[in-house]
Amino acid sequence: MKVILLTDVKAVGKKDQVIEVNDGYANNFLLPRKLAVPFTKGSIDVLKRQKQNALDKAEAKKAEALAIQDKLKNVRLVFKVKTGKDGKMFGSITPKQIESELLNKYQITIDKRKFVNYEPINRVGENQIAIELDKNIIGKIIVQVEEQ
């Protein structure tokens, strides 16, 4: 029996793959657990539509990421911090602070988990932060830390 897998099934196949399996395996395991649907003309049409929708969403997400990347080119965040006698900072600048500052000043929403190889900023000066907006799309911002 030919079926279209709805999810990845170990040792059988990947999602959206059309495979040939024994009738008993399909009727007793795959179909009741909603892991697959029978291969029919209607199910092929649904599969094509779902794939097209996924492609459209991916393209829209990529376009949005490129727009945000363009906005981030002009972003410069300035933080004023207290420092000790020898110029060392008390504490550090965290991703959460950067995230909230981006939202407040530039109305750009970025999840703090998207920062690439982020290390807390604990020195005065200019720092460049990389942000992964989408697969292979990296935006960069400048964080300036000044003494108060």
N, C-alpha and C. Protein backbone atom coordinates (compact mmCIF):
# COMPACT_ATOMS: atom_id res chain seq x y z
N MET A 1 0.85 -1.18 0.00
CA MET A 1 0.00 0.00 0.00
C MET A 1 0.90 1.23 0.00
N LYS A 2 0.56 2.22 -0.80
CA LYS A 2 1.31 3.47 -0.83
C LYS A 2 0.69 4.43 0.17
N VAL A 3 1.56 5.08 0.94
CA VAL A 3 1.11 6.06 1.92
C VAL A 3 2.02 7.29 1.85
N ILE A 4 1.50 8.41 2.36
CA ILE A 4 2.29 9.64 2.50
C ILE A 4 2.50 9.84 4.00
N LEU A 5 3.76 9.93 4.41
CA LEU A 5 4.07 10.10 5.82
C LEU A 5 3.77 11.53 6.28
N LEU A 6 3.12 11.65 7.43
CA LEU A 6 2.81 12.96 7.99
C LEU A 6 3.89 13.44 8.95
N THR A 7 4.66 12.50 9.50
CA THR A 7 5.78 12.82 10.38
C THR A 7 6.93 11.88 10.05
N ASP A 8 8.10 12.17 10.59
CA ASP A 8 9.23 11.26 10.42
C ASP A 8 8.95 9.99 11.21
N VAL A 9 9.14 8.85 10.58
CA VAL A 9 8.96 7.56 11.24
C VAL A 9 10.31 6.83 11.15
N LYS A 10 10.84 6.48 12.31
CA LYS A 10 12.16 5.86 12.37
C LYS A 10 12.18 4.57 11.54
N ALA A 11 13.21 4.42 10.75
CA ALA A 11 13.46 3.25 9.90
C ALA A 11 12.42 3.06 8.80
N VAL A 12 11.56 4.07 8.58
CA VAL A 12 10.55 3.97 7.53
C VAL A 12 10.74 5.10 6.51
N GLY A 13 10.75 6.36 6.98
CA GLY A 13 10.90 7.48 6.06
C GLY A 13 10.72 8.81 6.74
N LYS A 14 10.85 9.86 5.96
CA LYS A 14 10.74 11.23 6.44
C LYS A 14 9.37 11.80 6.13
N LYS A 15 9.06 12.92 6.77
CA LYS A 15 7.79 13.61 6.58
C LYS A 15 7.60 13.96 5.10
N ASP A 16 6.37 13.85 4.61
CA ASP A 16 5.95 14.17 3.24
C ASP A 16 6.52 13.22 2.19
N GLN A 17 7.10 12.13 2.62
CA GLN A 17 7.65 11.15 1.68
C GLN A 17 6.58 10.14 1.31
N VAL A 18 6.53 9.74 0.04
CA VAL A 18 5.60 8.71 -0.43
C VAL A 18 6.35 7.39 -0.40
N ILE A 19 5.81 6.43 0.36
CA ILE A 19 6.49 5.14 0.49
C ILE A 19 5.51 3.99 0.28
N GLU A 20 6.06 2.84 -0.02
CA GLU A 20 5.28 1.60 -0.17
C GLU A 20 5.52 0.76 1.08
N VAL A 21 4.44 0.40 1.78
CA VAL A 21 4.55 -0.44 2.97
C VAL A 21 3.53 -1.57 2.88
N ASN A 22 3.69 -2.56 3.74
CA ASN A 22 2.72 -3.66 3.80
C ASN A 22 1.36 -3.12 4.23
N ASP A 23 0.30 -3.74 3.71
CA ASP A 23 -1.06 -3.30 4.05
C ASP A 23 -1.30 -3.35 5.56
N GLY A 24 -0.89 -4.43 6.19
CA GLY A 24 -1.12 -4.59 7.63
C GLY A 24 -0.41 -3.52 8.44
N TYR A 25 0.83 -3.20 8.06
CA TYR A 25 1.60 -2.17 8.76
C TYR A 25 0.92 -0.81 8.62
N ALA A 26 0.43 -0.53 7.42
CA ALA A 26 -0.25 0.75 7.19
C ALA A 26 -1.57 0.80 7.97
N ASN A 27 -2.39 -0.25 7.87
CA ASN A 27 -3.71 -0.24 8.50
C ASN A 27 -3.67 -0.36 10.01
N ASN A 28 -2.69 -1.08 10.54
CA ASN A 28 -2.65 -1.33 11.98
C ASN A 28 -1.73 -0.39 12.75
N PHE A 29 -0.79 0.24 12.07
CA PHE A 29 0.16 1.08 12.81
C PHE A 29 0.17 2.53 12.31
N LEU A 30 0.48 2.74 11.05
CA LEU A 30 0.67 4.10 10.53
C LEU A 30 -0.62 4.92 10.50
N LEU A 31 -1.68 4.36 9.95
CA LEU A 31 -2.92 5.12 9.80
C LEU A 31 -3.62 5.41 11.13
N PRO A 32 -3.78 4.42 12.04
CA PRO A 32 -4.46 4.73 13.31
C PRO A 32 -3.72 5.76 14.17
N ARG A 33 -2.38 5.78 14.08
CA ARG A 33 -1.59 6.71 14.88
C ARG A 33 -1.41 8.06 14.17
N LYS A 34 -2.07 8.23 13.04
CA LYS A 34 -2.00 9.46 12.25
C LYS A 34 -0.56 9.80 11.88
N LEU A 35 0.23 8.77 11.57
CA LEU A 35 1.59 8.95 11.10
C LEU A 35 1.63 9.04 9.58
N ALA A 36 0.55 8.59 8.92
CA ALA A 36 0.51 8.59 7.46
C ALA A 36 -0.95 8.67 6.99
N VAL A 37 -1.10 9.01 5.71
CA VAL A 37 -2.41 8.99 5.06
C VAL A 37 -2.28 8.17 3.79
N PRO A 38 -3.37 7.55 3.35
CA PRO A 38 -3.30 6.76 2.11
C PRO A 38 -2.93 7.65 0.92
N PHE A 39 -2.23 7.08 -0.02
CA PHE A 39 -1.81 7.77 -1.23
C PHE A 39 -2.98 7.82 -2.20
N THR A 40 -3.57 9.02 -2.33
CA THR A 40 -4.68 9.22 -3.27
C THR A 40 -4.45 10.53 -4.02
N LYS A 41 -5.27 10.77 -5.03
CA LYS A 41 -5.13 12.01 -5.80
C LYS A 41 -5.38 13.22 -4.90
N GLY A 42 -6.36 13.12 -4.04
CA GLY A 42 -6.67 14.22 -3.12
C GLY A 42 -5.54 14.49 -2.14
N SER A 43 -4.95 13.41 -1.62
CA SER A 43 -3.86 13.61 -0.65
C SER A 43 -2.62 14.18 -1.32
N ILE A 44 -2.39 13.85 -2.59
CA ILE A 44 -1.26 14.44 -3.33
C ILE A 44 -1.48 15.93 -3.52
N ASP A 45 -2.71 16.33 -3.83
CA ASP A 45 -3.02 17.75 -4.00
C ASP A 45 -2.79 18.52 -2.69
N VAL A 46 -3.23 17.93 -1.57
CA VAL A 46 -3.03 18.56 -0.26
C VAL A 46 -1.54 18.68 0.04
N LEU A 47 -0.78 17.64 -0.26
CA LEU A 47 0.66 17.66 -0.02
C LEU A 47 1.33 18.76 -0.84
N LYS A 48 0.95 18.90 -2.10
CA LYS A 48 1.52 19.95 -2.96
C LYS A 48 1.21 21.33 -2.40
N ARG A 49 -0.04 21.52 -1.96
CA ARG A 49 -0.43 22.81 -1.39
C ARG A 49 0.36 23.12 -0.12
N GLN A 50 0.54 22.10 0.73
CA GLN A 50 1.29 22.30 1.97
C GLN A 50 2.75 22.66 1.67
N LYS A 51 3.34 21.98 0.69
CA LYS A 51 4.72 22.30 0.32
C LYS A 51 4.83 23.72 -0.23
N GLN A 52 3.87 24.13 -1.04
CA GLN A 52 3.88 25.49 -1.59
C GLN A 52 3.71 26.52 -0.49
N ASN A 53 2.80 26.25 0.47
CA ASN A 53 2.62 27.16 1.59
C ASN A 53 3.90 27.28 2.41
N ALA A 54 4.59 26.16 2.63
CA ALA A 54 5.84 26.18 3.38
C ALA A 54 6.89 27.01 2.64
N LEU A 55 6.96 26.87 1.32
CA LEU A 55 7.90 27.67 0.54
C LEU A 55 7.56 29.16 0.61
N ASP A 56 6.28 29.48 0.53
CA ASP A 56 5.86 30.88 0.61
C ASP A 56 6.20 31.48 1.97
N LYS A 57 5.97 30.71 3.05
CA LYS A 57 6.31 31.19 4.39
C LYS A 57 7.80 31.40 4.54
N ALA A 58 8.60 30.49 3.99
CA ALA A 58 10.05 30.60 4.08
C ALA A 58 10.54 31.84 3.33
N GLU A 59 9.95 32.11 2.16
CA GLU A 59 10.32 33.29 1.39
C GLU A 59 9.94 34.57 2.13
N ALA A 60 8.75 34.58 2.75
CA ALA A 60 8.32 35.76 3.50
C ALA A 60 9.23 35.99 4.70
N LYS A 61 9.61 34.91 5.38
CA LYS A 61 10.49 35.02 6.54
C LYS A 61 11.86 35.53 6.12
N LYS A 62 12.35 35.06 4.98
CA LYS A 62 13.65 35.51 4.48
C LYS A 62 13.60 36.99 4.11
N ALA A 63 12.52 37.42 3.47
CA ALA A 63 12.37 38.83 3.10
C ALA A 63 12.31 39.71 4.34
N GLU A 64 11.61 39.25 5.37
CA GLU A 64 11.52 40.00 6.62
C GLU A 64 12.90 40.10 7.28
N ALA A 65 13.65 38.99 7.26
CA ALA A 65 14.98 38.99 7.85
C ALA A 65 15.91 39.94 7.11
N LEU A 66 15.81 40.00 5.79
CA LEU A 66 16.63 40.93 5.01
C LEU A 66 16.28 42.39 5.32
N ALA A 67 14.99 42.65 5.52
CA ALA A 67 14.56 44.01 5.88
C ALA A 67 15.11 44.41 7.24
N ILE A 68 15.06 43.48 8.20
CA ILE A 68 15.58 43.76 9.54
C ILE A 68 17.10 43.94 9.47
N GLN A 69 17.77 43.12 8.66
CA GLN A 69 19.22 43.25 8.50
C GLN A 69 19.57 44.64 7.98
N ASP A 70 18.78 45.14 7.06
CA ASP A 70 19.02 46.48 6.52
C ASP A 70 18.82 47.55 7.60
N LYS A 71 17.80 47.40 8.43
CA LYS A 71 17.56 48.34 9.53
C LYS A 71 18.70 48.32 10.54
N LEU A 72 19.25 47.12 10.80
CA LEU A 72 20.28 46.98 11.83
C LEU A 72 21.60 47.62 11.44
N LYS A 73 21.81 47.89 10.15
CA LYS A 73 23.07 48.50 9.72
C LYS A 73 23.29 49.86 10.36
N ASN A 74 22.22 50.58 10.66
CA ASN A 74 22.31 51.93 11.21
C ASN A 74 22.14 51.97 12.73
N VAL A 75 22.07 50.82 13.36
CA VAL A 75 21.80 50.79 14.80
C VAL A 75 23.09 50.93 15.60
N ARG A 76 23.06 51.87 16.53
CA ARG A 76 24.17 52.05 17.47
C ARG A 76 23.54 52.28 18.84
N LEU A 77 23.74 51.33 19.72
CA LEU A 77 23.18 51.43 21.07
C LEU A 77 24.26 51.95 22.01
N VAL A 78 23.90 52.91 22.85
CA VAL A 78 24.85 53.49 23.79
C VAL A 78 24.36 53.19 25.21
N PHE A 79 25.25 52.61 26.00
CA PHE A 79 24.96 52.31 27.40
C PHE A 79 25.94 53.09 28.26
N LYS A 80 25.42 53.78 29.27
CA LYS A 80 26.28 54.49 30.22
C LYS A 80 26.30 53.66 31.50
N VAL A 81 27.51 53.31 31.93
CA VAL A 81 27.66 52.43 33.09
C VAL A 81 28.60 53.04 34.11
N LYS A 82 28.48 52.57 35.34
CA LYS A 82 29.39 52.99 36.40
C LYS A 82 30.66 52.15 36.30
N THR A 83 31.78 52.81 36.54
CA THR A 83 33.05 52.10 36.50
C THR A 83 33.84 52.39 37.77
N GLY A 84 34.79 51.53 38.06
CA GLY A 84 35.64 51.70 39.23
C GLY A 84 36.80 52.63 38.92
N LYS A 85 37.75 52.70 39.86
CA LYS A 85 38.91 53.59 39.71
C LYS A 85 39.75 53.22 38.49
N ASP A 86 39.92 51.95 38.26
CA ASP A 86 40.80 51.51 37.17
C ASP A 86 40.04 51.33 35.84
N GLY A 87 38.81 51.81 35.73
CA GLY A 87 38.07 51.76 34.48
C GLY A 87 37.28 50.48 34.26
N LYS A 88 37.25 49.58 35.24
CA LYS A 88 36.48 48.34 35.09
C LYS A 88 35.01 48.60 35.38
N MET A 89 34.16 47.91 34.63
CA MET A 89 32.71 48.06 34.81
C MET A 89 32.23 47.29 36.03
N PHE A 90 31.15 47.80 36.62
CA PHE A 90 30.44 47.04 37.64
C PHE A 90 29.33 46.29 36.92
N GLY A 91 29.45 44.97 36.83
CA GLY A 91 28.45 44.18 36.11
C GLY A 91 28.78 44.11 34.63
N SER A 92 27.76 43.80 33.81
CA SER A 92 27.97 43.69 32.37
C SER A 92 26.68 44.01 31.64
N ILE A 93 26.79 44.19 30.33
CA ILE A 93 25.62 44.43 29.47
C ILE A 93 25.13 43.05 29.01
N THR A 94 23.88 42.73 29.29
CA THR A 94 23.32 41.41 28.98
C THR A 94 22.51 41.46 27.68
N PRO A 95 22.27 40.30 27.09
CA PRO A 95 21.43 40.26 25.88
C PRO A 95 20.03 40.82 26.11
N LYS A 96 19.51 40.62 27.30
CA LYS A 96 18.17 41.13 27.62
C LYS A 96 18.14 42.66 27.56
N GLN A 97 19.21 43.29 28.06
CA GLN A 97 19.28 44.75 28.00
C GLN A 97 19.36 45.24 26.56
N ILE A 98 20.14 44.55 25.75
CA ILE A 98 20.27 44.92 24.34
C ILE A 98 18.93 44.74 23.62
N GLU A 99 18.27 43.62 23.92
CA GLU A 99 16.96 43.33 23.31
C GLU A 99 15.95 44.43 23.65
N SER A 100 15.87 44.82 24.92
CA SER A 100 14.89 45.84 25.31
C SER A 100 15.25 47.21 24.75
N GLU A 101 16.54 47.51 24.66
CA GLU A 101 16.97 48.80 24.09
C GLU A 101 16.64 48.88 22.59
N LEU A 102 16.81 47.77 21.86
CA LEU A 102 16.44 47.73 20.45
C LEU A 102 14.94 47.97 20.28
N LEU A 103 14.16 47.38 21.15
CA LEU A 103 12.71 47.54 21.07
C LEU A 103 12.30 48.97 21.41
N ASN A 104 12.88 49.54 22.46
CA ASN A 104 12.50 50.88 22.89
C ASN A 104 12.92 51.97 21.90
N LYS A 105 14.15 51.91 21.41
CA LYS A 105 14.66 52.98 20.56
C LYS A 105 14.34 52.81 19.08
N TYR A 106 14.37 51.58 18.58
CA TYR A 106 14.24 51.35 17.15
C TYR A 106 13.00 50.53 16.75
N GLN A 107 12.22 50.09 17.72
CA GLN A 107 11.03 49.25 17.47
C GLN A 107 11.38 48.00 16.66
N ILE A 108 12.53 47.41 16.96
CA ILE A 108 12.96 46.17 16.33
C ILE A 108 12.90 45.07 17.38
N THR A 109 12.12 44.03 17.11
CA THR A 109 11.98 42.93 18.04
C THR A 109 12.91 41.80 17.62
N ILE A 110 13.86 41.47 18.50
CA ILE A 110 14.79 40.37 18.24
C ILE A 110 14.89 39.56 19.51
N ASP A 111 14.82 38.26 19.36
CA ASP A 111 14.94 37.37 20.50
C ASP A 111 16.39 37.30 20.95
N LYS A 112 16.61 37.42 22.24
CA LYS A 112 17.97 37.42 22.78
C LYS A 112 18.73 36.12 22.49
N ARG A 113 18.00 35.05 22.19
CA ARG A 113 18.66 33.77 21.89
C ARG A 113 19.26 33.76 20.48
N LYS A 114 18.97 34.77 19.68
CA LYS A 114 19.48 34.85 18.31
C LYS A 114 20.88 35.46 18.23
N PHE A 115 21.40 35.96 19.36
CA PHE A 115 22.75 36.52 19.35
C PHE A 115 23.75 35.41 19.10
N VAL A 116 24.68 35.64 18.17
CA VAL A 116 25.65 34.62 17.78
C VAL A 116 26.89 34.74 18.68
N ASN A 117 27.25 33.64 19.34
CA ASN A 117 28.45 33.59 20.19
C ASN A 117 28.56 34.79 21.12
N TYR A 118 27.47 35.11 21.79
CA TYR A 118 27.44 36.30 22.65
C TYR A 118 28.19 36.05 23.94
N GLU A 119 29.06 37.00 24.26
CA GLU A 119 29.72 37.01 25.56
C GLU A 119 29.33 38.32 26.22
N PRO A 120 29.00 38.29 27.52
CA PRO A 120 28.59 39.53 28.18
C PRO A 120 29.64 40.63 28.00
N ILE A 121 29.15 41.82 27.73
CA ILE A 121 30.04 42.96 27.52
C ILE A 121 30.41 43.53 28.88
N ASN A 122 31.67 43.47 29.23
CA ASN A 122 32.10 43.95 30.54
C ASN A 122 33.29 44.89 30.44
N ARG A 123 33.41 45.59 29.30
CA ARG A 123 34.47 46.57 29.16
C ARG A 123 33.92 47.80 28.45
N VAL A 124 34.51 48.93 28.74
CA VAL A 124 34.11 50.18 28.13
C VAL A 124 34.67 50.21 26.71
N GLY A 125 33.88 50.74 25.79
CA GLY A 125 34.33 50.84 24.40
C GLY A 125 33.25 50.39 23.45
N GLU A 126 33.68 50.16 22.20
CA GLU A 126 32.75 49.78 21.15
C GLU A 126 32.80 48.27 20.93
N ASN A 127 31.63 47.66 20.83
CA ASN A 127 31.53 46.22 20.62
C ASN A 127 30.57 45.96 19.47
N GLN A 128 30.91 44.99 18.64
CA GLN A 128 30.03 44.61 17.54
C GLN A 128 29.37 43.28 17.90
N ILE A 129 28.04 43.24 17.76
CA ILE A 129 27.25 42.07 18.10
C ILE A 129 26.62 41.51 16.83
N ALA A 130 26.76 40.21 16.61
CA ALA A 130 26.15 39.55 15.46
C ALA A 130 24.84 38.89 15.89
N ILE A 131 23.82 39.01 15.04
CA ILE A 131 22.50 38.45 15.34
C ILE A 131 22.06 37.62 14.14
N GLU A 132 21.72 36.35 14.41
CA GLU A 132 21.24 35.47 13.33
C GLU A 132 19.75 35.71 13.14
N LEU A 133 19.41 36.33 12.02
CA LEU A 133 18.02 36.68 11.74
C LEU A 133 17.28 35.54 11.06
N ASP A 134 17.98 34.81 10.20
CA ASP A 134 17.44 33.66 9.49
C ASP A 134 18.63 32.82 9.06
N LYS A 135 18.37 31.70 8.48
CA LYS A 135 19.47 30.84 8.04
C LYS A 135 20.34 31.62 7.05
N ASN A 136 21.63 31.73 7.36
CA ASN A 136 22.63 32.43 6.54
C ASN A 136 22.39 33.93 6.41
N ILE A 137 21.57 34.53 7.26
CA ILE A 137 21.37 35.98 7.26
C ILE A 137 21.75 36.50 8.65
N ILE A 138 22.86 37.23 8.69
CA ILE A 138 23.39 37.74 9.95
C ILE A 138 23.32 39.26 9.93
N GLY A 139 22.73 39.83 10.99
CA GLY A 139 22.71 41.27 11.15
C GLY A 139 23.72 41.67 12.21
N LYS A 140 24.25 42.88 12.10
CA LYS A 140 25.25 43.34 13.07
C LYS A 140 24.84 44.69 13.63
N ILE A 141 25.03 44.83 14.94
CA ILE A 141 24.78 46.11 15.60
C ILE A 141 26.03 46.50 16.38
N ILE A 142 26.12 47.79 16.68
CA ILE A 142 27.25 48.29 17.46
C ILE A 142 26.72 48.70 18.82
N VAL A 143 27.38 48.20 19.86
CA VAL A 143 27.03 48.55 21.23
C VAL A 143 28.20 49.36 21.79
N GLN A 144 27.91 50.62 22.12
CA GLN A 144 28.93 51.52 22.67
C GLN A 144 28.71 51.60 24.17
N VAL A 145 29.74 51.31 24.94
CA VAL A 145 29.67 51.38 26.39
C VAL A 145 30.54 52.55 26.84
N GLU A 146 29.93 53.49 27.59
CA GLU A 146 30.64 54.68 28.04
C GLU A 146 30.57 54.78 29.55
N GLU A 147 31.56 55.49 30.11
CA GLU A 147 31.55 55.73 31.56
C GLU A 147 30.50 56.77 31.89
N GLN A 148 29.91 56.60 33.06
CA GLN A 148 28.85 57.52 33.48
C GLN A 148 29.44 58.75 34.12
